[in-house]
Amino acid sequence: MGSEPNSLSPSCEDTMGDGEDKPRLTEEEKKQNHIASEKKRRQAIRNGFDRLTELIPGLEGQARSEGVVLRKTVEYIKSELEERNRLLKECDQRGIEVGDKHRILPS
């Protein structure tokens, strides 16, 4: 009974799901996969910083220092929030009605 193809004991095919035996990765293959995924992660971060330098005024065409980009980004966002609050206050003073959806910052 144990040697029958449909026995109740689990086999590699049962645990793999598709019936194909997949070879295990060697330590070198694991290392190469890790290196490749780390390169991909770093490139995604670089792309994000490059995008910020395109969006934040004063960063266009500068050599990219991540610390400078983050500091300038925070300064820019703060100034934009201050301008938003100034405009909301001005609307209130002029009697211009601003709906709640424009007063609440998106989360």
PDB file of N, CA and C in Angstrom:
ATOM      1  N   MET A   1       0.803  -1.183   0.000  1.00  0.00           N
ATOM      2  CA  MET A   1       0.000   0.000   0.000  1.00  0.00           C
ATOM      3  C   MET A   1       0.853   1.255   0.000  1.00  0.00           C
ATOM      4  N   GLY A   2       1.960   1.312   0.770  1.00  0.00           N
ATOM      5  CA  GLY A   2       2.808   2.473   0.851  1.00  0.00           C
ATOM      6  C   GLY A   2       3.509   2.763  -0.456  1.00  0.00           C
ATOM      7  N   SER A   3       3.635   1.767  -1.335  1.00  0.00           N
ATOM      8  CA  SER A   3       4.338   2.005  -2.592  1.00  0.00           C
ATOM      9  C   SER A   3       3.399   2.432  -3.706  1.00  0.00           C
ATOM     10  N   GLU A   4       2.118   2.465  -3.442  1.00  0.00           N
ATOM     11  CA  GLU A   4       1.166   2.894  -4.453  1.00  0.00           C
ATOM     12  C   GLU A   4       1.319   4.392  -4.707  1.00  0.00           C
ATOM     13  N   PRO A   5       1.122   4.837  -5.961  1.00  0.00           N
ATOM     14  CA  PRO A   5       1.291   6.244  -6.287  1.00  0.00           C
ATOM     15  C   PRO A   5       0.338   7.159  -5.518  1.00  0.00           C
ATOM     16  N   ASN A   6      -0.850   6.676  -5.147  1.00  0.00           N
ATOM     17  CA  ASN A   6      -1.832   7.517  -4.460  1.00  0.00           C
ATOM     18  C   ASN A   6      -1.879   7.233  -2.964  1.00  0.00           C
ATOM     19  N   SER A   7      -0.743   6.884  -2.369  1.00  0.00           N
ATOM     20  CA  SER A   7      -0.746   6.591  -0.938  1.00  0.00           C
ATOM     21  C   SER A   7      -1.041   7.859  -0.143  1.00  0.00           C
ATOM     22  N   LEU A   8      -1.382   7.699   1.113  1.00  0.00           N
ATOM     23  CA  LEU A   8      -1.763   8.817   1.957  1.00  0.00           C
ATOM     24  C   LEU A   8      -0.578   9.601   2.496  1.00  0.00           C
ATOM     25  N   SER A   9       0.627   9.067   2.398  1.00  0.00           N
ATOM     26  CA  SER A   9       1.779   9.795   2.924  1.00  0.00           C
ATOM     27  C   SER A   9       2.153  10.938   1.985  1.00  0.00           C
ATOM     28  N   PRO A  10       2.491  12.100   2.551  1.00  0.00           N
ATOM     29  CA  PRO A  10       2.825  13.246   1.694  1.00  0.00           C
ATOM     30  C   PRO A  10       4.135  13.009   0.952  1.00  0.00           C
ATOM     31  N   SER A  11       4.176  13.479  -0.257  1.00  0.00           N
ATOM     32  CA  SER A  11       5.396  13.366  -1.047  1.00  0.00           C
ATOM     33  C   SER A  11       5.859  14.760  -1.402  1.00  0.00           C
ATOM     34  N   CYS A  12       7.007  14.858  -2.029  1.00  0.00           N
ATOM     35  CA  CYS A  12       7.513  16.162  -2.482  1.00  0.00           C
ATOM     36  C   CYS A  12       6.530  16.787  -3.455  1.00  0.00           C
ATOM     37  N   GLU A  13       5.917  15.966  -4.306  1.00  0.00           N
ATOM     38  CA  GLU A  13       4.967  16.485  -5.281  1.00  0.00           C
ATOM     39  C   GLU A  13       3.779  17.128  -4.585  1.00  0.00           C
ATOM     40  N   ASP A  14       3.328  16.504  -3.482  1.00  0.00           N
ATOM     41  CA  ASP A  14       2.179  17.039  -2.763  1.00  0.00           C
ATOM     42  C   ASP A  14       2.502  18.389  -2.147  1.00  0.00           C
ATOM     43  N   THR A  15       3.694  18.526  -1.613  1.00  0.00           N
ATOM     44  CA  THR A  15       4.047  19.777  -0.941  1.00  0.00           C
ATOM     45  C   THR A  15       4.430  20.858  -1.934  1.00  0.00           C
ATOM     46  N   MET A  16       4.890  20.519  -3.119  1.00  0.00           N
ATOM     47  CA  MET A  16       5.260  21.501  -4.129  1.00  0.00           C
ATOM     48  C   MET A  16       4.033  22.030  -4.850  1.00  0.00           C
ATOM     49  N   GLY A  17       3.011  21.227  -4.942  1.00  0.00           N
ATOM     50  CA  GLY A  17       1.768  21.677  -5.529  1.00  0.00           C
ATOM     51  C   GLY A  17       1.665  21.430  -7.015  1.00  0.00           C
ATOM     52  N   ASP A  18       2.722  21.641  -7.774  1.00  0.00           N
ATOM     53  CA  ASP A  18       2.604  21.514  -9.226  1.00  0.00           C
ATOM     54  C   ASP A  18       3.167  20.199  -9.752  1.00  0.00           C
ATOM     55  N   GLY A  19       3.690  19.365  -8.861  1.00  0.00           N
ATOM     56  CA  GLY A  19       4.171  18.066  -9.297  1.00  0.00           C
ATOM     57  C   GLY A  19       5.578  18.093  -9.876  1.00  0.00           C
ATOM     58  N   GLU A  20       6.170  19.268 -10.048  1.00  0.00           N
ATOM     59  CA  GLU A  20       7.523  19.344 -10.590  1.00  0.00           C
ATOM     60  C   GLU A  20       8.510  19.475  -9.448  1.00  0.00           C
ATOM     61  N   ASP A  21       9.583  18.693  -9.532  1.00  0.00           N
ATOM     62  CA  ASP A  21      10.652  18.834  -8.538  1.00  0.00           C
ATOM     63  C   ASP A  21      11.503  20.025  -8.930  1.00  0.00           C
ATOM     64  N   LYS A  22      11.634  20.964  -8.003  1.00  0.00           N
ATOM     65  CA  LYS A  22      12.451  22.140  -8.258  1.00  0.00           C
ATOM     66  C   LYS A  22      13.743  21.982  -7.469  1.00  0.00           C
ATOM     67  N   PRO A  23      14.848  22.171  -8.121  1.00  0.00           N
ATOM     68  CA  PRO A  23      16.113  22.020  -7.394  1.00  0.00           C
ATOM     69  C   PRO A  23      16.285  23.146  -6.377  1.00  0.00           C
ATOM     70  N   ARG A  24      16.909  22.816  -5.276  1.00  0.00           N
ATOM     71  CA  ARG A  24      17.196  23.827  -4.257  1.00  0.00           C
ATOM     72  C   ARG A  24      18.308  24.730  -4.769  1.00  0.00           C
ATOM     73  N   LEU A  25      18.255  25.986  -4.336  1.00  0.00           N
ATOM     74  CA  LEU A  25      19.291  26.924  -4.736  1.00  0.00           C
ATOM     75  C   LEU A  25      20.564  26.645  -3.960  1.00  0.00           C
ATOM     76  N   THR A  26      21.666  26.803  -4.646  1.00  0.00           N
ATOM     77  CA  THR A  26      22.955  26.669  -3.963  1.00  0.00           C
ATOM     78  C   THR A  26      23.183  27.939  -3.146  1.00  0.00           C
ATOM     79  N   GLU A  27      24.138  27.898  -2.249  1.00  0.00           N
ATOM     80  CA  GLU A  27      24.470  29.085  -1.455  1.00  0.00           C
ATOM     81  C   GLU A  27      24.904  30.227  -2.371  1.00  0.00           C
ATOM     82  N   GLU A  28      25.623  29.924  -3.429  1.00  0.00           N
ATOM     83  CA  GLU A  28      26.061  30.966  -4.373  1.00  0.00           C
ATOM     84  C   GLU A  28      24.873  31.584  -5.094  1.00  0.00           C
ATOM     85  N   GLU A  29      23.901  30.774  -5.480  1.00  0.00           N
ATOM     86  CA  GLU A  29      22.692  31.299  -6.132  1.00  0.00           C
ATOM     87  C   GLU A  29      21.885  32.170  -5.176  1.00  0.00           C
ATOM     88  N   LYS A  30      21.797  31.733  -3.912  1.00  0.00           N
ATOM     89  CA  LYS A  30      21.109  32.541  -2.910  1.00  0.00           C
ATOM     90  C   LYS A  30      21.801  33.891  -2.747  1.00  0.00           C
ATOM     91  N   LYS A  31      23.126  33.846  -2.713  1.00  0.00           N
ATOM     92  CA  LYS A  31      23.908  35.074  -2.563  1.00  0.00           C
ATOM     93  C   LYS A  31      23.679  35.997  -3.756  1.00  0.00           C
ATOM     94  N   GLN A  32      23.690  35.447  -4.956  1.00  0.00           N
ATOM     95  CA  GLN A  32      23.478  36.252  -6.159  1.00  0.00           C
ATOM     96  C   GLN A  32      22.065  36.840  -6.194  1.00  0.00           C
ATOM     97  N   ASN A  33      21.080  36.069  -5.766  1.00  0.00           N
ATOM     98  CA  ASN A  33      19.706  36.577  -5.694  1.00  0.00           C
ATOM     99  C   ASN A  33      19.606  37.733  -4.700  1.00  0.00           C
ATOM    100  N   HIS A  34      20.290  37.584  -3.575  1.00  0.00           N
ATOM    101  CA  HIS A  34      20.280  38.637  -2.558  1.00  0.00           C
ATOM    102  C   HIS A  34      20.947  39.902  -3.102  1.00  0.00           C
ATOM    103  N   ILE A  35      22.070  39.737  -3.770  1.00  0.00           N
ATOM    104  CA  ILE A  35      22.784  40.887  -4.353  1.00  0.00           C
ATOM    105  C   ILE A  35      21.902  41.581  -5.383  1.00  0.00           C
ATOM    106  N   ALA A  36      21.239  40.794  -6.227  1.00  0.00           N
ATOM    107  CA  ALA A  36      20.371  41.369  -7.263  1.00  0.00           C
ATOM    108  C   ALA A  36      19.205  42.116  -6.639  1.00  0.00           C
ATOM    109  N   SER A  37      18.591  41.558  -5.594  1.00  0.00           N
ATOM    110  CA  SER A  37      17.452  42.237  -4.969  1.00  0.00           C
ATOM    111  C   SER A  37      17.914  43.496  -4.238  1.00  0.00           C
ATOM    112  N   GLU A  38      19.101  43.468  -3.660  1.00  0.00           N
ATOM    113  CA  GLU A  38      19.637  44.658  -2.993  1.00  0.00           C
ATOM    114  C   GLU A  38      19.938  45.757  -4.016  1.00  0.00           C
ATOM    115  N   LYS A  39      20.467  45.386  -5.168  1.00  0.00           N
ATOM    116  CA  LYS A  39      20.722  46.372  -6.227  1.00  0.00           C
ATOM    117  C   LYS A  39      19.407  46.996  -6.695  1.00  0.00           C
ATOM    118  N   LYS A  40      18.388  46.166  -6.826  1.00  0.00           N
ATOM    119  CA  LYS A  40      17.078  46.653  -7.259  1.00  0.00           C
ATOM    120  C   LYS A  40      16.496  47.615  -6.224  1.00  0.00           C
ATOM    121  N   ARG A  41      16.643  47.288  -4.943  1.00  0.00           N
ATOM    122  CA  ARG A  41      16.157  48.146  -3.864  1.00  0.00           C
ATOM    123  C   ARG A  41      16.879  49.491  -3.873  1.00  0.00           C
ATOM    124  N   ARG A  42      18.192  49.450  -4.001  1.00  0.00           N
ATOM    125  CA  ARG A  42      18.975  50.693  -4.032  1.00  0.00           C
ATOM    126  C   ARG A  42      18.628  51.546  -5.245  1.00  0.00           C
ATOM    127  N   GLN A  43      18.398  50.909  -6.385  1.00  0.00           N
ATOM    128  CA  GLN A  43      18.029  51.659  -7.581  1.00  0.00           C
ATOM    129  C   GLN A  43      16.675  52.332  -7.405  1.00  0.00           C
ATOM    130  N   ALA A  44      15.751  51.649  -6.745  1.00  0.00           N
ATOM    131  CA  ALA A  44      14.439  52.242  -6.488  1.00  0.00           C
ATOM    132  C   ALA A  44      14.577  53.476  -5.588  1.00  0.00           C
ATOM    133  N   ILE A  45      15.455  53.401  -4.601  1.00  0.00           N
ATOM    134  CA  ILE A  45      15.698  54.548  -3.718  1.00  0.00           C
ATOM    135  C   ILE A  45      16.323  55.691  -4.520  1.00  0.00           C
ATOM    136  N   ARG A  46      17.320  55.381  -5.349  1.00  0.00           N
ATOM    137  CA  ARG A  46      17.943  56.411  -6.200  1.00  0.00           C
ATOM    138  C   ARG A  46      16.909  57.079  -7.096  1.00  0.00           C
ATOM    139  N   ASN A  47      16.045  56.269  -7.696  1.00  0.00           N
ATOM    140  CA  ASN A  47      14.995  56.817  -8.568  1.00  0.00           C
ATOM    141  C   ASN A  47      14.065  57.745  -7.795  1.00  0.00           C
ATOM    142  N   GLY A  48      13.738  57.381  -6.567  1.00  0.00           N
ATOM    143  CA  GLY A  48      12.885  58.220  -5.731  1.00  0.00           C
ATOM    144  C   GLY A  48      13.546  59.553  -5.419  1.00  0.00           C
ATOM    145  N   PHE A  49      14.827  59.533  -5.097  1.00  0.00           N
ATOM    146  CA  PHE A  49      15.541  60.777  -4.830  1.00  0.00           C
ATOM    147  C   PHE A  49      15.665  61.619  -6.096  1.00  0.00           C
ATOM    148  N   ASP A  50      15.902  60.967  -7.217  1.00  0.00           N
ATOM    149  CA  ASP A  50      15.966  61.707  -8.483  1.00  0.00           C
ATOM    150  C   ASP A  50      14.638  62.392  -8.773  1.00  0.00           C
ATOM    151  N   ARG A  51      13.548  61.708  -8.492  1.00  0.00           N
ATOM    152  CA  ARG A  51      12.218  62.274  -8.721  1.00  0.00           C
ATOM    153  C   ARG A  51      11.981  63.481  -7.814  1.00  0.00           C
ATOM    154  N   LEU A  52      12.430  63.381  -6.553  1.00  0.00           N
ATOM    155  CA  LEU A  52      12.298  64.511  -5.639  1.00  0.00           C
ATOM    156  C   LEU A  52      13.083  65.723  -6.152  1.00  0.00           C
ATOM    157  N   THR A  53      14.271  65.491  -6.718  1.00  0.00           N
ATOM    158  CA  THR A  53      15.053  66.623  -7.222  1.00  0.00           C
ATOM    159  C   THR A  53      14.358  67.295  -8.402  1.00  0.00           C
ATOM    160  N   GLU A  54      13.508  66.556  -9.095  1.00  0.00           N
ATOM    161  CA  GLU A  54      12.737  67.145 -10.191  1.00  0.00           C
ATOM    162  C   GLU A  54      11.538  67.939  -9.667  1.00  0.00           C
ATOM    163  N   LEU A  55      10.988  67.539  -8.540  1.00  0.00           N
ATOM    164  CA  LEU A  55       9.760  68.136  -8.013  1.00  0.00           C
ATOM    165  C   LEU A  55       9.999  69.315  -7.076  1.00  0.00           C
ATOM    166  N   ILE A  56      11.068  69.278  -6.315  1.00  0.00           N
ATOM    167  CA  ILE A  56      11.300  70.290  -5.282  1.00  0.00           C
ATOM    168  C   ILE A  56      12.079  71.457  -5.876  1.00  0.00           C
ATOM    169  N   PRO A  57      11.502  72.663  -5.801  1.00  0.00           N
ATOM    170  CA  PRO A  57      12.203  73.834  -6.335  1.00  0.00           C
ATOM    171  C   PRO A  57      13.559  74.030  -5.647  1.00  0.00           C
ATOM    172  N   GLY A  58      14.555  74.385  -6.437  1.00  0.00           N
ATOM    173  CA  GLY A  58      15.893  74.621  -5.907  1.00  0.00           C
ATOM    174  C   GLY A  58      16.796  73.403  -5.948  1.00  0.00           C
ATOM    175  N   LEU A  59      16.252  72.263  -6.292  1.00  0.00           N
ATOM    176  CA  LEU A  59      17.083  71.052  -6.356  1.00  0.00           C
ATOM    177  C   LEU A  59      17.414  70.638  -7.789  1.00  0.00           C
ATOM    178  N   GLU A  60      16.806  71.306  -8.754  1.00  0.00           N
ATOM    179  CA  GLU A  60      17.019  70.920 -10.144  1.00  0.00           C
ATOM    180  C   GLU A  60      18.491  71.066 -10.502  1.00  0.00           C
ATOM    181  N   GLY A  61      19.043  70.039 -11.104  1.00  0.00           N
ATOM    182  CA  GLY A  61      20.401  70.090 -11.632  1.00  0.00           C
ATOM    183  C   GLY A  61      21.503  70.058 -10.594  1.00  0.00           C
ATOM    184  N   GLN A  62      21.176  69.889  -9.329  1.00  0.00           N
ATOM    185  CA  GLN A  62      22.213  69.818  -8.302  1.00  0.00           C
ATOM    186  C   GLN A  62      22.708  68.394  -8.147  1.00  0.00           C
ATOM    187  N   ALA A  63      23.959  68.288  -7.711  1.00  0.00           N
ATOM    188  CA  ALA A  63      24.471  66.970  -7.357  1.00  0.00           C
ATOM    189  C   ALA A  63      23.622  66.468  -6.199  1.00  0.00           C
ATOM    190  N   ARG A  64      23.311  65.214  -6.236  1.00  0.00           N
ATOM    191  CA  ARG A  64      22.350  64.683  -5.275  1.00  0.00           C
ATOM    192  C   ARG A  64      23.027  64.213  -3.990  1.00  0.00           C
ATOM    193  N   SER A  65      22.719  64.902  -2.931  1.00  0.00           N
ATOM    194  CA  SER A  65      23.065  64.454  -1.585  1.00  0.00           C
ATOM    195  C   SER A  65      21.740  64.113  -0.927  1.00  0.00           C
ATOM    196  N   GLU A  66      21.598  62.866  -0.500  1.00  0.00           N
ATOM    197  CA  GLU A  66      20.315  62.454   0.053  1.00  0.00           C
ATOM    198  C   GLU A  66      19.907  63.288   1.255  1.00  0.00           C
ATOM    199  N   GLY A  67      20.868  63.673   2.083  1.00  0.00           N
ATOM    200  CA  GLY A  67      20.564  64.504   3.234  1.00  0.00           C
ATOM    201  C   GLY A  67      20.011  65.853   2.817  1.00  0.00           C
ATOM    202  N   VAL A  68      20.641  66.467   1.793  1.00  0.00           N
ATOM    203  CA  VAL A  68      20.172  67.763   1.295  1.00  0.00           C
ATOM    204  C   VAL A  68      18.790  67.617   0.687  1.00  0.00           C
ATOM    205  N   VAL A  69      18.583  66.573  -0.099  1.00  0.00           N
ATOM    206  CA  VAL A  69      17.277  66.364  -0.741  1.00  0.00           C
ATOM    207  C   VAL A  69      16.191  66.208   0.311  1.00  0.00           C
ATOM    208  N   LEU A  70      16.431  65.429   1.341  1.00  0.00           N
ATOM    209  CA  LEU A  70      15.417  65.236   2.382  1.00  0.00           C
ATOM    210  C   LEU A  70      15.163  66.532   3.146  1.00  0.00           C
ATOM    211  N   ARG A  71      16.220  67.261   3.494  1.00  0.00           N
ATOM    212  CA  ARG A  71      16.054  68.521   4.223  1.00  0.00           C
ATOM    213  C   ARG A  71      15.262  69.525   3.394  1.00  0.00           C
ATOM    214  N   LYS A  72      15.620  69.670   2.116  1.00  0.00           N
ATOM    215  CA  LYS A  72      14.913  70.614   1.241  1.00  0.00           C
ATOM    216  C   LYS A  72      13.465  70.182   1.016  1.00  0.00           C
ATOM    217  N   THR A  73      13.226  68.887   0.948  1.00  0.00           N
ATOM    218  CA  THR A  73      11.867  68.380   0.772  1.00  0.00           C
ATOM    219  C   THR A  73      11.002  68.736   1.976  1.00  0.00           C
ATOM    220  N   VAL A  74      11.539  68.538   3.175  1.00  0.00           N
ATOM    221  CA  VAL A  74      10.802  68.878   4.394  1.00  0.00           C
ATOM    222  C   VAL A  74      10.531  70.378   4.432  1.00  0.00           C
ATOM    223  N   GLU A  75      11.542  71.193   4.102  1.00  0.00           N
ATOM    224  CA  GLU A  75      11.356  72.649   4.080  1.00  0.00           C
ATOM    225  C   GLU A  75      10.260  73.039   3.088  1.00  0.00           C
ATOM    226  N   TYR A  76      10.281  72.416   1.921  1.00  0.00           N
ATOM    227  CA  TYR A  76       9.284  72.728   0.892  1.00  0.00           C
ATOM    228  C   TYR A  76       7.873  72.356   1.345  1.00  0.00           C
ATOM    229  N   ILE A  77       7.726  71.181   1.915  1.00  0.00           N
ATOM    230  CA  ILE A  77       6.406  70.744   2.380  1.00  0.00           C
ATOM    231  C   ILE A  77       5.904  71.671   3.482  1.00  0.00           C
ATOM    232  N   LYS A  78       6.794  72.049   4.409  1.00  0.00           N
ATOM    233  CA  LYS A  78       6.388  72.979   5.472  1.00  0.00           C
ATOM    234  C   LYS A  78       5.931  74.305   4.888  1.00  0.00           C
ATOM    235  N   SER A  79       6.668  74.814   3.912  1.00  0.00           N
ATOM    236  CA  SER A  79       6.284  76.108   3.324  1.00  0.00           C
ATOM    237  C   SER A  79       4.956  75.991   2.569  1.00  0.00           C
ATOM    238  N   GLU A  80       4.731  74.879   1.918  1.00  0.00           N
ATOM    239  CA  GLU A  80       3.464  74.669   1.219  1.00  0.00           C
ATOM    240  C   GLU A  80       2.297  74.580   2.207  1.00  0.00           C
ATOM    241  N   LEU A  81       2.515  73.926   3.342  1.00  0.00           N
ATOM    242  CA  LEU A  81       1.470  73.840   4.361  1.00  0.00           C
ATOM    243  C   LEU A  81       1.179  75.219   4.962  1.00  0.00           C
ATOM    244  N   GLU A  82       2.229  76.008   5.183  1.00  0.00           N
ATOM    245  CA  GLU A  82       2.035  77.365   5.689  1.00  0.00           C
ATOM    246  C   GLU A  82       1.234  78.199   4.696  1.00  0.00           C
ATOM    247  N   GLU A  83       1.557  78.079   3.414  1.00  0.00           N
ATOM    248  CA  GLU A  83       0.824  78.819   2.376  1.00  0.00           C
ATOM    249  C   GLU A  83      -0.633  78.372   2.328  1.00  0.00           C
ATOM    250  N   ARG A  84      -0.867  77.089   2.448  1.00  0.00           N
ATOM    251  CA  ARG A  84      -2.230  76.551   2.464  1.00  0.00           C
ATOM    252  C   ARG A  84      -3.015  77.138   3.627  1.00  0.00           C
ATOM    253  N   ASN A  85      -2.398  77.139   4.809  1.00  0.00           N
ATOM    254  CA  ASN A  85      -3.061  77.686   5.987  1.00  0.00           C
ATOM    255  C   ASN A  85      -3.321  79.187   5.828  1.00  0.00           C
ATOM    256  N   ARG A  86      -2.395  79.905   5.217  1.00  0.00           N
ATOM    257  CA  ARG A  86      -2.576  81.325   4.973  1.00  0.00           C
ATOM    258  C   ARG A  86      -3.773  81.570   4.052  1.00  0.00           C
ATOM    259  N   LEU A  87      -3.865  80.746   3.004  1.00  0.00           N
ATOM    260  CA  LEU A  87      -4.984  80.884   2.065  1.00  0.00           C
ATOM    261  C   LEU A  87      -6.321  80.553   2.730  1.00  0.00           C
ATOM    262  N   LEU A  88      -6.337  79.533   3.565  1.00  0.00           N
ATOM    263  CA  LEU A  88      -7.574  79.187   4.284  1.00  0.00           C
ATOM    264  C   LEU A  88      -7.990  80.338   5.204  1.00  0.00           C
ATOM    265  N   LYS A  89      -7.020  80.932   5.894  1.00  0.00           N
ATOM    266  CA  LYS A  89      -7.312  82.053   6.790  1.00  0.00           C
ATOM    267  C   LYS A  89      -7.836  83.242   5.993  1.00  0.00           C
ATOM    268  N   GLU A  90      -7.215  83.498   4.841  1.00  0.00           N
ATOM    269  CA  GLU A  90      -7.671  84.600   3.987  1.00  0.00           C
ATOM    270  C   GLU A  90      -9.095  84.360   3.490  1.00  0.00           C
ATOM    271  N   CYS A  91      -9.392  83.129   3.133  1.00  0.00           N
ATOM    272  CA  CYS A  91     -10.759  82.796   2.706  1.00  0.00           C
ATOM    273  C   CYS A  91     -11.747  83.064   3.832  1.00  0.00           C
ATOM    274  N   ASP A  92     -11.368  82.651   5.046  1.00  0.00           N
ATOM    275  CA  ASP A  92     -12.240  82.891   6.203  1.00  0.00           C
ATOM    276  C   ASP A  92     -12.477  84.388   6.403  1.00  0.00           C
ATOM    277  N   GLN A  93     -11.417  85.188   6.300  1.00  0.00           N
ATOM    278  CA  GLN A  93     -11.527  86.631   6.505  1.00  0.00           C
ATOM    279  C   GLN A  93     -12.407  87.290   5.443  1.00  0.00           C
ATOM    280  N   ARG A  94     -12.375  86.757   4.243  1.00  0.00           N
ATOM    281  CA  ARG A  94     -13.168  87.331   3.147  1.00  0.00           C
ATOM    282  C   ARG A  94     -14.574  86.743   3.065  1.00  0.00           C
ATOM    283  N   GLY A  95     -14.843  85.783   3.932  1.00  0.00           N
ATOM    284  CA  GLY A  95     -16.160  85.173   3.924  1.00  0.00           C
ATOM    285  C   GLY A  95     -16.349  84.136   2.831  1.00  0.00           C
ATOM    286  N   ILE A  96     -15.270  83.666   2.296  1.00  0.00           N
ATOM    287  CA  ILE A  96     -15.331  82.624   1.262  1.00  0.00           C
ATOM    288  C   ILE A  96     -15.455  81.279   1.967  1.00  0.00           C
ATOM    289  N   GLU A  97     -16.502  80.552   1.618  1.00  0.00           N
ATOM    290  CA  GLU A  97     -16.734  79.272   2.265  1.00  0.00           C
ATOM    291  C   GLU A  97     -15.845  78.198   1.636  1.00  0.00           C
ATOM    292  N   VAL A  98     -15.141  77.493   2.504  1.00  0.00           N
ATOM    293  CA  VAL A  98     -14.273  76.394   2.076  1.00  0.00           C
ATOM    294  C   VAL A  98     -14.796  75.133   2.744  1.00  0.00           C
ATOM    295  N   GLY A  99     -15.097  74.143   1.936  1.00  0.00           N
ATOM    296  CA  GLY A  99     -15.648  72.901   2.473  1.00  0.00           C
ATOM    297  C   GLY A  99     -14.660  72.157   3.358  1.00  0.00           C
ATOM    298  N   ASP A 100     -15.207  71.321   4.225  1.00  0.00           N
ATOM    299  CA  ASP A 100     -14.375  70.544   5.143  1.00  0.00           C
ATOM    300  C   ASP A 100     -13.365  69.666   4.414  1.00  0.00           C
ATOM    301  N   LYS A 101     -13.756  69.162   3.252  1.00  0.00           N
ATOM    302  CA  LYS A 101     -12.834  68.265   2.536  1.00  0.00           C
ATOM    303  C   LYS A 101     -11.565  68.991   2.108  1.00  0.00           C
ATOM    304  N   HIS A 102     -11.616  70.336   2.024  1.00  0.00           N
ATOM    305  CA  HIS A 102     -10.429  71.111   1.671  1.00  0.00           C
ATOM    306  C   HIS A 102      -9.663  71.581   2.896  1.00  0.00           C
ATOM    307  N   ARG A 103     -10.279  71.479   4.053  1.00  0.00           N
ATOM    308  CA  ARG A 103      -9.617  71.902   5.275  1.00  0.00           C
ATOM    309  C   ARG A 103      -8.842  70.761   5.929  1.00  0.00           C
ATOM    310  N   ILE A 104      -9.268  69.543   5.691  1.00  0.00           N
ATOM    311  CA  ILE A 104      -8.643  68.376   6.314  1.00  0.00           C
ATOM    312  C   ILE A 104      -7.554  67.860   5.371  1.00  0.00           C
ATOM    313  N   LEU A 105      -6.367  67.677   5.940  1.00  0.00           N
ATOM    314  CA  LEU A 105      -5.266  67.154   5.141  1.00  0.00           C
ATOM    315  C   LEU A 105      -5.511  65.671   4.854  1.00  0.00           C
ATOM    316  N   PRO A 106      -5.199  65.259   3.626  1.00  0.00           N
ATOM    317  CA  PRO A 106      -5.357  63.827   3.318  1.00  0.00           C
ATOM    318  C   PRO A 106      -4.384  63.001   4.136  1.00  0.00           C
ATOM    319  N   SER A 107      -4.817  61.840   4.527  1.00  0.00           N
ATOM    320  CA  SER A 107      -3.945  60.973   5.333  1.00  0.00           C
ATOM    321  C   SER A 107      -3.144  60.055   4.462  1.00  0.00           C
TER     322      SER A 107
END
